[in-house]
N, C-alpha and C. Protein backbone atom coordinates (compact mmCIF):
# COMPACT_ATOMS: atom_id res chain seq x y z
N MET A 1 21.38 -7.20 -81.15
CA MET A 1 20.81 -5.93 -80.81
C MET A 1 20.20 -6.03 -79.41
N ASP A 2 20.29 -4.97 -78.69
CA ASP A 2 19.78 -4.93 -77.33
C ASP A 2 18.25 -4.88 -77.34
N LEU A 3 17.62 -5.52 -76.37
CA LEU A 3 16.16 -5.58 -76.27
C LEU A 3 15.54 -4.19 -76.16
N THR A 4 16.21 -3.27 -75.51
CA THR A 4 15.71 -1.91 -75.36
C THR A 4 15.52 -1.25 -76.72
N TYR A 5 16.47 -1.41 -77.61
CA TYR A 5 16.38 -0.83 -78.95
C TYR A 5 15.24 -1.44 -79.76
N ILE A 6 15.01 -2.71 -79.58
CA ILE A 6 13.92 -3.37 -80.28
C ILE A 6 12.57 -2.84 -79.80
N ILE A 7 12.44 -2.66 -78.49
CA ILE A 7 11.19 -2.13 -77.92
C ILE A 7 10.97 -0.70 -78.39
N ILE A 8 12.01 0.12 -78.38
CA ILE A 8 11.88 1.51 -78.82
C ILE A 8 11.48 1.56 -80.30
N ALA A 9 12.09 0.73 -81.11
CA ALA A 9 11.76 0.69 -82.54
C ALA A 9 10.30 0.26 -82.74
N ALA A 10 9.83 -0.71 -81.98
CA ALA A 10 8.46 -1.17 -82.10
C ALA A 10 7.47 -0.08 -81.71
N VAL A 11 7.79 0.67 -80.66
CA VAL A 11 6.93 1.77 -80.22
C VAL A 11 6.90 2.87 -81.28
N ILE A 12 8.05 3.19 -81.85
CA ILE A 12 8.11 4.23 -82.88
C ILE A 12 7.30 3.82 -84.11
N ILE A 13 7.35 2.55 -84.46
CA ILE A 13 6.60 2.07 -85.63
C ILE A 13 5.10 2.01 -85.32
N ALA A 14 4.72 1.59 -84.14
CA ALA A 14 3.31 1.40 -83.81
C ALA A 14 2.60 2.69 -83.40
N LEU A 15 3.32 3.66 -82.88
CA LEU A 15 2.71 4.87 -82.36
C LEU A 15 1.86 5.63 -83.38
N PRO A 16 2.30 5.86 -84.61
CA PRO A 16 1.43 6.57 -85.56
C PRO A 16 0.11 5.84 -85.82
N PHE A 17 0.14 4.52 -85.89
CA PHE A 17 -1.09 3.75 -86.11
C PHE A 17 -2.03 3.87 -84.92
N ILE A 18 -1.48 3.81 -83.74
CA ILE A 18 -2.29 3.91 -82.52
C ILE A 18 -2.92 5.30 -82.42
N LEU A 19 -2.12 6.34 -82.66
CA LEU A 19 -2.64 7.70 -82.57
C LEU A 19 -3.68 7.99 -83.64
N THR A 20 -3.46 7.48 -84.85
CA THR A 20 -4.42 7.67 -85.93
C THR A 20 -5.75 7.01 -85.57
N ARG A 21 -5.70 5.82 -85.06
CA ARG A 21 -6.94 5.11 -84.70
C ARG A 21 -7.64 5.81 -83.53
N LEU A 22 -6.86 6.29 -82.58
CA LEU A 22 -7.43 6.95 -81.41
C LEU A 22 -8.14 8.25 -81.78
N PHE A 23 -7.52 9.06 -82.63
CA PHE A 23 -8.08 10.37 -82.95
C PHE A 23 -9.03 10.38 -84.14
N SER A 24 -9.11 9.29 -84.87
CA SER A 24 -10.02 9.26 -86.01
C SER A 24 -11.36 8.64 -85.65
N GLY A 25 -11.56 8.26 -84.44
CA GLY A 25 -12.83 7.66 -84.04
C GLY A 25 -12.94 6.22 -84.45
N GLY A 26 -11.83 5.57 -84.65
CA GLY A 26 -11.83 4.15 -84.99
C GLY A 26 -12.14 3.86 -86.44
N GLY A 27 -12.20 4.90 -87.26
CA GLY A 27 -12.45 4.69 -88.68
C GLY A 27 -13.87 4.28 -89.01
N LYS A 28 -14.79 4.45 -88.10
CA LYS A 28 -16.18 4.04 -88.32
C LYS A 28 -17.04 5.24 -88.70
N LYS A 29 -16.62 5.98 -89.70
CA LYS A 29 -17.39 7.12 -90.17
C LYS A 29 -17.98 6.76 -91.52
N ASP A 30 -19.29 6.76 -91.59
CA ASP A 30 -19.93 6.53 -92.87
C ASP A 30 -20.70 7.80 -93.25
N ALA A 31 -21.34 7.77 -94.38
CA ALA A 31 -22.01 8.96 -94.89
C ALA A 31 -23.10 9.45 -93.94
N THR A 32 -23.82 8.55 -93.31
CA THR A 32 -24.91 8.99 -92.44
C THR A 32 -24.38 9.67 -91.19
N THR A 33 -23.26 9.19 -90.66
CA THR A 33 -22.68 9.83 -89.48
C THR A 33 -22.10 11.19 -89.83
N VAL A 34 -21.40 11.25 -90.94
CA VAL A 34 -20.77 12.50 -91.34
C VAL A 34 -21.81 13.55 -91.69
N LEU A 35 -22.89 13.15 -92.32
CA LEU A 35 -23.90 14.10 -92.75
C LEU A 35 -24.88 14.46 -91.64
N GLY A 36 -24.72 13.91 -90.45
CA GLY A 36 -25.53 14.30 -89.30
C GLY A 36 -26.88 13.64 -89.24
N ALA A 37 -26.96 12.40 -89.64
CA ALA A 37 -28.23 11.67 -89.56
C ALA A 37 -28.59 11.45 -88.10
N SER A 38 -29.84 11.20 -87.87
CA SER A 38 -30.33 10.98 -86.52
C SER A 38 -29.75 9.70 -85.94
N THR A 39 -29.10 9.82 -84.82
CA THR A 39 -28.50 8.69 -84.14
C THR A 39 -29.05 8.63 -82.73
N PRO A 40 -28.87 7.51 -82.04
CA PRO A 40 -29.34 7.46 -80.65
C PRO A 40 -28.78 8.60 -79.80
N ARG A 41 -27.53 8.97 -80.04
CA ARG A 41 -26.92 10.05 -79.26
C ARG A 41 -27.65 11.36 -79.52
N SER A 42 -27.98 11.63 -80.80
CA SER A 42 -28.66 12.89 -81.09
C SER A 42 -30.09 12.87 -80.56
N ARG A 43 -30.73 11.69 -80.51
CA ARG A 43 -32.08 11.60 -79.93
C ARG A 43 -32.02 11.90 -78.44
N ASP A 44 -30.99 11.39 -77.76
CA ASP A 44 -30.82 11.68 -76.34
C ASP A 44 -30.56 13.16 -76.12
N ALA A 45 -29.77 13.73 -77.00
CA ALA A 45 -29.46 15.15 -76.88
C ALA A 45 -30.73 15.98 -77.13
N ARG A 46 -31.57 15.53 -78.06
CA ARG A 46 -32.82 16.25 -78.31
C ARG A 46 -33.74 16.20 -77.09
N ALA A 47 -33.77 15.05 -76.43
CA ALA A 47 -34.59 14.92 -75.22
C ALA A 47 -34.08 15.87 -74.14
N ALA A 48 -32.77 15.96 -74.03
CA ALA A 48 -32.18 16.88 -73.06
C ALA A 48 -32.48 18.33 -73.46
N ALA A 49 -32.51 18.58 -74.76
CA ALA A 49 -32.80 19.93 -75.24
C ALA A 49 -34.22 20.34 -74.88
N GLU A 50 -35.14 19.40 -74.97
CA GLU A 50 -36.52 19.72 -74.62
C GLU A 50 -36.64 20.14 -73.15
N SER A 51 -35.89 19.49 -72.30
CA SER A 51 -35.94 19.89 -70.90
C SER A 51 -35.22 21.22 -70.68
N ALA A 52 -34.19 21.47 -71.49
CA ALA A 52 -33.47 22.73 -71.35
C ALA A 52 -34.27 23.91 -71.89
N LEU A 53 -35.24 23.60 -72.77
CA LEU A 53 -36.08 24.67 -73.32
C LEU A 53 -36.84 25.39 -72.21
N LEU A 54 -37.11 24.67 -71.17
CA LEU A 54 -37.86 25.24 -70.07
C LEU A 54 -36.97 26.09 -69.16
N SER A 55 -35.71 26.07 -69.48
CA SER A 55 -34.76 26.80 -68.63
C SER A 55 -35.05 28.30 -68.66
N ASP A 56 -35.08 28.86 -67.50
CA ASP A 56 -35.31 30.31 -67.39
C ASP A 56 -34.21 31.10 -68.07
N GLU A 57 -33.00 30.56 -68.04
CA GLU A 57 -31.87 31.28 -68.63
C GLU A 57 -32.02 31.38 -70.15
N VAL A 58 -32.45 30.29 -70.78
CA VAL A 58 -32.65 30.31 -72.24
C VAL A 58 -33.77 31.30 -72.57
N LYS A 59 -34.85 31.24 -71.80
CA LYS A 59 -35.97 32.15 -72.05
C LYS A 59 -35.55 33.61 -71.87
N ALA A 60 -34.70 33.86 -70.86
CA ALA A 60 -34.25 35.23 -70.62
C ALA A 60 -33.38 35.72 -71.77
N LEU A 61 -32.52 34.86 -72.28
CA LEU A 61 -31.69 35.24 -73.41
C LEU A 61 -32.53 35.54 -74.65
N LEU A 62 -33.53 34.73 -74.88
CA LEU A 62 -34.41 34.97 -76.02
C LEU A 62 -35.23 36.25 -75.85
N ALA A 63 -35.63 36.53 -74.63
CA ALA A 63 -36.39 37.75 -74.37
C ALA A 63 -35.54 38.99 -74.66
N ARG A 64 -34.24 38.88 -74.43
CA ARG A 64 -33.33 39.99 -74.73
C ARG A 64 -32.97 40.04 -76.21
N GLY A 65 -33.34 39.01 -76.94
CA GLY A 65 -33.01 38.96 -78.37
C GLY A 65 -31.62 38.41 -78.64
N ASP A 66 -31.02 37.77 -77.66
CA ASP A 66 -29.66 37.24 -77.81
C ASP A 66 -29.71 35.76 -78.20
N LYS A 67 -30.06 35.52 -79.47
CA LYS A 67 -30.21 34.15 -79.95
C LYS A 67 -28.87 33.40 -79.96
N ILE A 68 -27.79 34.09 -80.25
CA ILE A 68 -26.49 33.44 -80.32
C ILE A 68 -26.11 32.87 -78.96
N ALA A 69 -26.30 33.65 -77.91
CA ALA A 69 -26.00 33.17 -76.56
C ALA A 69 -26.92 32.02 -76.17
N ALA A 70 -28.19 32.09 -76.61
CA ALA A 70 -29.14 31.02 -76.30
C ALA A 70 -28.73 29.72 -76.99
N VAL A 71 -28.29 29.82 -78.25
CA VAL A 71 -27.82 28.63 -78.98
C VAL A 71 -26.59 28.05 -78.29
N LYS A 72 -25.67 28.91 -77.90
CA LYS A 72 -24.45 28.45 -77.23
C LYS A 72 -24.77 27.75 -75.91
N LEU A 73 -25.66 28.35 -75.14
CA LEU A 73 -26.05 27.76 -73.87
C LEU A 73 -26.70 26.39 -74.08
N LEU A 74 -27.58 26.30 -75.06
CA LEU A 74 -28.26 25.04 -75.36
C LEU A 74 -27.26 23.98 -75.79
N ARG A 75 -26.30 24.36 -76.63
CA ARG A 75 -25.28 23.41 -77.08
C ARG A 75 -24.41 22.93 -75.92
N ASP A 76 -24.04 23.86 -75.04
CA ASP A 76 -23.20 23.51 -73.90
C ASP A 76 -23.88 22.52 -72.96
N HIS A 77 -25.17 22.68 -72.77
CA HIS A 77 -25.89 21.85 -71.81
C HIS A 77 -26.43 20.54 -72.38
N THR A 78 -26.58 20.47 -73.71
CA THR A 78 -27.22 19.29 -74.28
C THR A 78 -26.31 18.47 -75.19
N GLY A 79 -25.27 19.07 -75.71
CA GLY A 79 -24.42 18.36 -76.66
C GLY A 79 -24.96 18.36 -78.08
N LEU A 80 -25.98 19.17 -78.34
CA LEU A 80 -26.53 19.27 -79.69
C LEU A 80 -25.52 19.91 -80.63
N GLY A 81 -25.66 19.60 -81.89
CA GLY A 81 -24.85 20.25 -82.90
C GLY A 81 -25.36 21.67 -83.13
N LEU A 82 -24.60 22.44 -83.88
CA LEU A 82 -24.96 23.84 -84.11
C LEU A 82 -26.30 23.96 -84.81
N LYS A 83 -26.51 23.20 -85.88
CA LYS A 83 -27.77 23.30 -86.63
C LYS A 83 -28.96 22.87 -85.78
N GLU A 84 -28.81 21.79 -85.04
CA GLU A 84 -29.92 21.32 -84.21
C GLU A 84 -30.28 22.35 -83.15
N ALA A 85 -29.27 22.90 -82.48
CA ALA A 85 -29.53 23.90 -81.44
C ALA A 85 -30.16 25.15 -82.05
N LYS A 86 -29.68 25.58 -83.20
CA LYS A 86 -30.25 26.75 -83.85
C LYS A 86 -31.71 26.51 -84.22
N ASP A 87 -32.02 25.31 -84.72
CA ASP A 87 -33.40 24.99 -85.08
C ASP A 87 -34.32 25.05 -83.85
N VAL A 88 -33.84 24.56 -82.73
CA VAL A 88 -34.64 24.59 -81.50
C VAL A 88 -34.89 26.03 -81.07
N ILE A 89 -33.84 26.84 -81.11
CA ILE A 89 -33.98 28.26 -80.70
C ILE A 89 -34.89 28.99 -81.66
N ASP A 90 -34.78 28.71 -82.95
CA ASP A 90 -35.65 29.35 -83.93
C ASP A 90 -37.12 29.01 -83.69
N LYS A 91 -37.39 27.78 -83.28
CA LYS A 91 -38.77 27.38 -82.98
C LYS A 91 -39.31 28.13 -81.76
N LEU A 92 -38.42 28.41 -80.83
CA LEU A 92 -38.86 29.13 -79.61
C LEU A 92 -39.03 30.61 -79.84
N GLY A 93 -38.14 31.17 -80.62
CA GLY A 93 -38.11 32.62 -80.69
C GLY A 93 -38.68 33.17 -81.92
């Protein structure tokens, strides 16, 4: 058999495993990660959220009563999850 065919066959066999590992996050999902437990990343995002709370744009959106836009803006700038961002906005407004 030609070497080219062997290489193509190896790529075809290995590709699903590589793509699965790449898109599944390496298979390191446990109950605490899935359920949204506090992680260093979320603590960093919360710190960023605190600084974003002072943002005039967030305050202006809340003053207009547009909580949905305020939550979206906070999520875009901090990386917070939906529930975390909503909780922050609820505390402000």
